[in-house]
Amino acid sequence: MRTQPTNIRGAPSALSMLTPRDQPRSLIGRTGCPRLWISVIFGSGLLFGSFVGYVLIAYPAIEILWGMSKSHVSDMHHSWDYNKSDPTA
């Protein structure tokens, strides 16, 4: 003989008895480690931001400095004429 569960009026529903941990969560929460996702996103943004900062700020400055140093060396090289005798001698 099978017994049917009794329906008690005024009893709370099963859904309301679930704790927040038992209730379905969002997509990020399903992995069980939202801090991991937050740190992955934050780390990716930090990496991307530093790359963009390098390309926009540091790289042009390095190119300018490198160009200046190359032209300075080039000027020094061309300022000495090897065909002339040493003027200091």
N, C-alpha and C. Protein backbone atom coordinates (compact mmCIF):
# COMPACT_ATOMS: atom_id res chain seq x y z
N MET A 1 0.84 -1.18 0.00
CA MET A 1 0.00 0.00 0.00
C MET A 1 0.89 1.24 0.00
N ARG A 2 0.59 2.16 -0.95
CA ARG A 2 1.39 3.37 -1.06
C ARG A 2 0.72 4.50 -0.31
N THR A 3 1.53 5.26 0.40
CA THR A 3 0.98 6.42 1.11
C THR A 3 1.30 7.67 0.33
N GLN A 4 0.37 8.53 0.20
CA GLN A 4 0.55 9.81 -0.48
C GLN A 4 0.99 10.86 0.55
N PRO A 5 1.86 11.78 0.16
CA PRO A 5 2.23 12.83 1.12
C PRO A 5 1.03 13.71 1.42
N THR A 6 0.91 14.07 2.66
CA THR A 6 -0.23 14.90 3.06
C THR A 6 0.06 16.35 2.71
N ASN A 7 -0.95 17.03 2.25
CA ASN A 7 -0.82 18.43 1.90
C ASN A 7 -1.29 19.25 3.09
N ILE A 8 -0.35 19.90 3.75
CA ILE A 8 -0.71 20.69 4.94
C ILE A 8 -0.88 22.13 4.50
N ARG A 9 -2.05 22.67 4.80
CA ARG A 9 -2.29 24.06 4.43
C ARG A 9 -1.47 24.98 5.33
N GLY A 10 -0.94 26.03 4.70
CA GLY A 10 -0.16 26.99 5.46
C GLY A 10 1.30 26.61 5.60
N ALA A 11 1.66 25.42 5.11
CA ALA A 11 3.06 25.02 5.19
C ALA A 11 3.84 25.77 4.11
N PRO A 12 5.07 26.15 4.40
CA PRO A 12 5.85 26.88 3.39
C PRO A 12 6.22 25.96 2.22
N SER A 13 6.34 26.56 1.05
CA SER A 13 6.69 25.76 -0.12
C SER A 13 8.15 25.31 -0.02
N ALA A 14 8.47 24.29 -0.78
CA ALA A 14 9.82 23.75 -0.73
C ALA A 14 10.84 24.76 -1.24
N LEU A 15 10.45 25.59 -2.21
CA LEU A 15 11.38 26.57 -2.77
C LEU A 15 11.77 27.62 -1.74
N SER A 16 10.81 28.03 -0.92
CA SER A 16 11.13 29.05 0.08
C SER A 16 11.97 28.47 1.21
N MET A 17 11.95 27.15 1.36
CA MET A 17 12.74 26.53 2.42
C MET A 17 14.19 26.33 2.01
N LEU A 18 14.47 26.45 0.72
CA LEU A 18 15.85 26.28 0.26
C LEU A 18 16.71 27.44 0.74
N THR A 19 17.91 27.14 1.11
CA THR A 19 18.84 28.20 1.51
C THR A 19 19.39 28.86 0.25
N PRO A 20 19.96 30.04 0.36
CA PRO A 20 20.54 30.68 -0.84
C PRO A 20 21.59 29.81 -1.52
N ARG A 21 22.25 28.95 -0.76
CA ARG A 21 23.27 28.08 -1.34
C ARG A 21 22.62 27.01 -2.22
N ASP A 22 21.39 26.59 -1.88
CA ASP A 22 20.71 25.54 -2.64
C ASP A 22 20.02 26.08 -3.89
N GLN A 23 19.71 27.37 -3.89
CA GLN A 23 18.96 27.93 -5.01
C GLN A 23 19.87 28.09 -6.23
N PRO A 24 19.27 28.03 -7.43
CA PRO A 24 20.09 28.18 -8.64
C PRO A 24 20.78 29.54 -8.67
N ARG A 25 22.01 29.55 -9.18
CA ARG A 25 22.78 30.78 -9.22
C ARG A 25 23.03 31.21 -10.65
N SER A 26 23.69 32.35 -10.79
CA SER A 26 23.98 32.87 -12.13
C SER A 26 25.08 32.03 -12.78
N LEU A 27 25.38 32.38 -14.02
CA LEU A 27 26.37 31.63 -14.79
C LEU A 27 27.75 31.67 -14.12
N ILE A 28 28.14 32.84 -13.63
CA ILE A 28 29.45 32.96 -12.99
C ILE A 28 29.47 32.14 -11.71
N GLY A 29 28.36 32.14 -10.98
CA GLY A 29 28.32 31.42 -9.72
C GLY A 29 28.28 29.92 -9.87
N ARG A 30 27.95 29.42 -11.05
CA ARG A 30 27.82 27.97 -11.23
C ARG A 30 29.16 27.25 -11.08
N THR A 31 30.23 27.93 -11.38
CA THR A 31 31.54 27.29 -11.26
C THR A 31 31.90 27.06 -9.80
N GLY A 32 31.23 27.75 -8.91
CA GLY A 32 31.52 27.60 -7.50
C GLY A 32 32.67 28.47 -7.04
N CYS A 33 33.26 29.25 -7.93
CA CYS A 33 34.39 30.09 -7.55
C CYS A 33 34.31 31.43 -8.28
N PRO A 34 33.40 32.32 -7.87
CA PRO A 34 33.29 33.61 -8.57
C PRO A 34 34.55 34.46 -8.42
N ARG A 35 35.28 34.27 -7.31
CA ARG A 35 36.51 35.05 -7.13
C ARG A 35 37.53 34.74 -8.22
N LEU A 36 37.54 33.49 -8.66
CA LEU A 36 38.46 33.10 -9.73
C LEU A 36 38.14 33.86 -11.01
N TRP A 37 36.86 33.94 -11.36
CA TRP A 37 36.46 34.65 -12.57
C TRP A 37 36.78 36.13 -12.46
N ILE A 38 36.53 36.69 -11.29
CA ILE A 38 36.80 38.12 -11.08
C ILE A 38 38.29 38.38 -11.26
N SER A 39 39.13 37.52 -10.67
CA SER A 39 40.57 37.75 -10.80
C SER A 39 41.05 37.49 -12.22
N VAL A 40 40.44 36.55 -12.94
CA VAL A 40 40.83 36.32 -14.33
C VAL A 40 40.49 37.54 -15.18
N ILE A 41 39.30 38.08 -15.00
CA ILE A 41 38.88 39.26 -15.76
C ILE A 41 39.77 40.45 -15.40
N PHE A 42 40.02 40.64 -14.10
CA PHE A 42 40.85 41.75 -13.65
C PHE A 42 42.27 41.61 -14.20
N GLY A 43 42.81 40.41 -14.13
CA GLY A 43 44.17 40.18 -14.63
C GLY A 43 44.27 40.40 -16.13
N SER A 44 43.25 39.96 -16.87
CA SER A 44 43.26 40.17 -18.32
C SER A 44 43.21 41.66 -18.65
N GLY A 45 42.37 42.38 -17.93
CA GLY A 45 42.29 43.83 -18.13
C GLY A 45 43.60 44.52 -17.80
N LEU A 46 44.24 44.07 -16.74
CA LEU A 46 45.52 44.66 -16.35
C LEU A 46 46.59 44.40 -17.41
N LEU A 47 46.63 43.18 -17.91
CA LEU A 47 47.60 42.83 -18.96
C LEU A 47 47.34 43.64 -20.23
N PHE A 48 46.08 43.69 -20.64
CA PHE A 48 45.72 44.43 -21.86
C PHE A 48 46.01 45.91 -21.69
N GLY A 49 45.67 46.44 -20.51
CA GLY A 49 45.91 47.86 -20.24
C GLY A 49 47.39 48.21 -20.25
N SER A 50 48.21 47.34 -19.69
CA SER A 50 49.64 47.63 -19.69
C SER A 50 50.22 47.53 -21.10
N PHE A 51 49.70 46.61 -21.91
CA PHE A 51 50.15 46.52 -23.30
C PHE A 51 49.78 47.78 -24.07
N VAL A 52 48.54 48.24 -23.90
CA VAL A 52 48.08 49.45 -24.58
C VAL A 52 48.90 50.65 -24.10
N GLY A 53 49.16 50.70 -22.80
CA GLY A 53 49.97 51.79 -22.26
C GLY A 53 51.37 51.79 -22.84
N TYR A 54 51.94 50.62 -23.01
CA TYR A 54 53.28 50.52 -23.60
C TYR A 54 53.26 51.01 -25.05
N VAL A 55 52.25 50.58 -25.80
CA VAL A 55 52.19 50.94 -27.21
C VAL A 55 51.95 52.44 -27.38
N LEU A 56 51.09 53.02 -26.53
CA LEU A 56 50.74 54.43 -26.69
C LEU A 56 51.74 55.38 -26.06
N ILE A 57 52.41 54.97 -24.97
CA ILE A 57 53.26 55.90 -24.23
C ILE A 57 54.74 55.55 -24.37
N ALA A 58 55.10 54.34 -23.97
CA ALA A 58 56.52 53.99 -23.90
C ALA A 58 57.13 53.78 -25.28
N TYR A 59 56.44 53.12 -26.16
CA TYR A 59 57.02 52.79 -27.47
C TYR A 59 57.38 54.04 -28.27
N PRO A 60 56.48 55.04 -28.39
CA PRO A 60 56.87 56.25 -29.12
C PRO A 60 58.05 56.97 -28.46
N ALA A 61 58.08 56.99 -27.12
CA ALA A 61 59.19 57.66 -26.43
C ALA A 61 60.50 56.94 -26.71
N ILE A 62 60.47 55.61 -26.70
CA ILE A 62 61.68 54.83 -26.99
C ILE A 62 62.12 55.08 -28.43
N GLU A 63 61.16 55.13 -29.35
CA GLU A 63 61.50 55.38 -30.75
C GLU A 63 62.13 56.77 -30.92
N ILE A 64 61.59 57.76 -30.22
CA ILE A 64 62.13 59.12 -30.32
C ILE A 64 63.55 59.14 -29.77
N LEU A 65 63.73 58.54 -28.59
CA LEU A 65 65.07 58.52 -27.98
C LEU A 65 66.04 57.73 -28.84
N TRP A 66 65.60 56.60 -29.36
CA TRP A 66 66.48 55.78 -30.19
C TRP A 66 66.84 56.52 -31.47
N GLY A 67 65.87 57.23 -32.05
CA GLY A 67 66.14 58.01 -33.26
C GLY A 67 67.13 59.13 -32.98
N MET A 68 66.99 59.79 -31.80
CA MET A 68 67.91 60.85 -31.44
C MET A 68 69.32 60.30 -31.25
N SER A 69 69.41 59.16 -30.58
CA SER A 69 70.74 58.59 -30.33
C SER A 69 71.38 58.13 -31.64
N LYS A 70 70.57 57.59 -32.55
CA LYS A 70 71.11 57.16 -33.84
C LYS A 70 71.60 58.37 -34.65
N SER A 71 70.82 59.45 -34.64
CA SER A 71 71.22 60.63 -35.40
C SER A 71 72.46 61.26 -34.76
N HIS A 72 72.55 61.22 -33.45
CA HIS A 72 73.71 61.78 -32.76
C HIS A 72 74.98 61.00 -33.15
N VAL A 73 74.89 59.69 -33.13
CA VAL A 73 76.02 58.85 -33.52
C VAL A 73 76.35 59.09 -34.98
N SER A 74 75.32 59.21 -35.81
CA SER A 74 75.52 59.43 -37.23
C SER A 74 76.22 60.77 -37.46
N ASP A 75 75.81 61.82 -36.73
CA ASP A 75 76.44 63.13 -36.87
C ASP A 75 77.90 63.06 -36.45
N MET A 76 78.17 62.35 -35.37
CA MET A 76 79.55 62.22 -34.91
C MET A 76 80.38 61.49 -35.96
N HIS A 77 79.80 60.49 -36.55
CA HIS A 77 80.54 59.70 -37.53
C HIS A 77 80.86 60.55 -38.77
N HIS A 78 79.88 61.33 -39.22
CA HIS A 78 80.07 62.12 -40.43
C HIS A 78 80.84 63.41 -40.17
N SER A 79 80.99 63.78 -38.92
CA SER A 79 81.69 65.03 -38.64
C SER A 79 83.20 64.85 -38.81
N TRP A 80 83.64 63.64 -38.81
CA TRP A 80 85.08 63.39 -38.96
C TRP A 80 85.36 62.97 -40.40
N ASP A 81 86.14 63.75 -41.04
CA ASP A 81 86.50 63.44 -42.42
C ASP A 81 87.84 62.71 -42.42
N TYR A 82 87.82 61.47 -42.85
CA TYR A 82 89.02 60.66 -42.78
C TYR A 82 90.06 61.06 -43.84
N ASN A 83 89.65 61.82 -44.83
CA ASN A 83 90.58 62.21 -45.88
C ASN A 83 91.46 63.39 -45.47
N LYS A 84 91.03 64.14 -44.45
CA LYS A 84 91.81 65.29 -44.00
C LYS A 84 92.83 64.84 -42.97
N SER A 85 93.85 65.61 -42.86
CA SER A 85 94.82 65.32 -41.81
C SER A 85 94.26 65.75 -40.47
N ASP A 86 94.79 65.23 -39.39
CA ASP A 86 94.31 65.52 -38.05
C ASP A 86 94.62 66.98 -37.72
N PRO A 87 93.58 67.81 -37.47
CA PRO A 87 93.84 69.23 -37.19
C PRO A 87 94.52 69.44 -35.84
N THR A 88 94.41 68.48 -34.94
CA THR A 88 95.02 68.65 -33.62
C THR A 88 96.49 68.28 -33.63
N ALA A 89 96.97 67.66 -34.71
CA ALA A 89 98.37 67.21 -34.73
C ALA A 89 99.33 68.33 -34.99
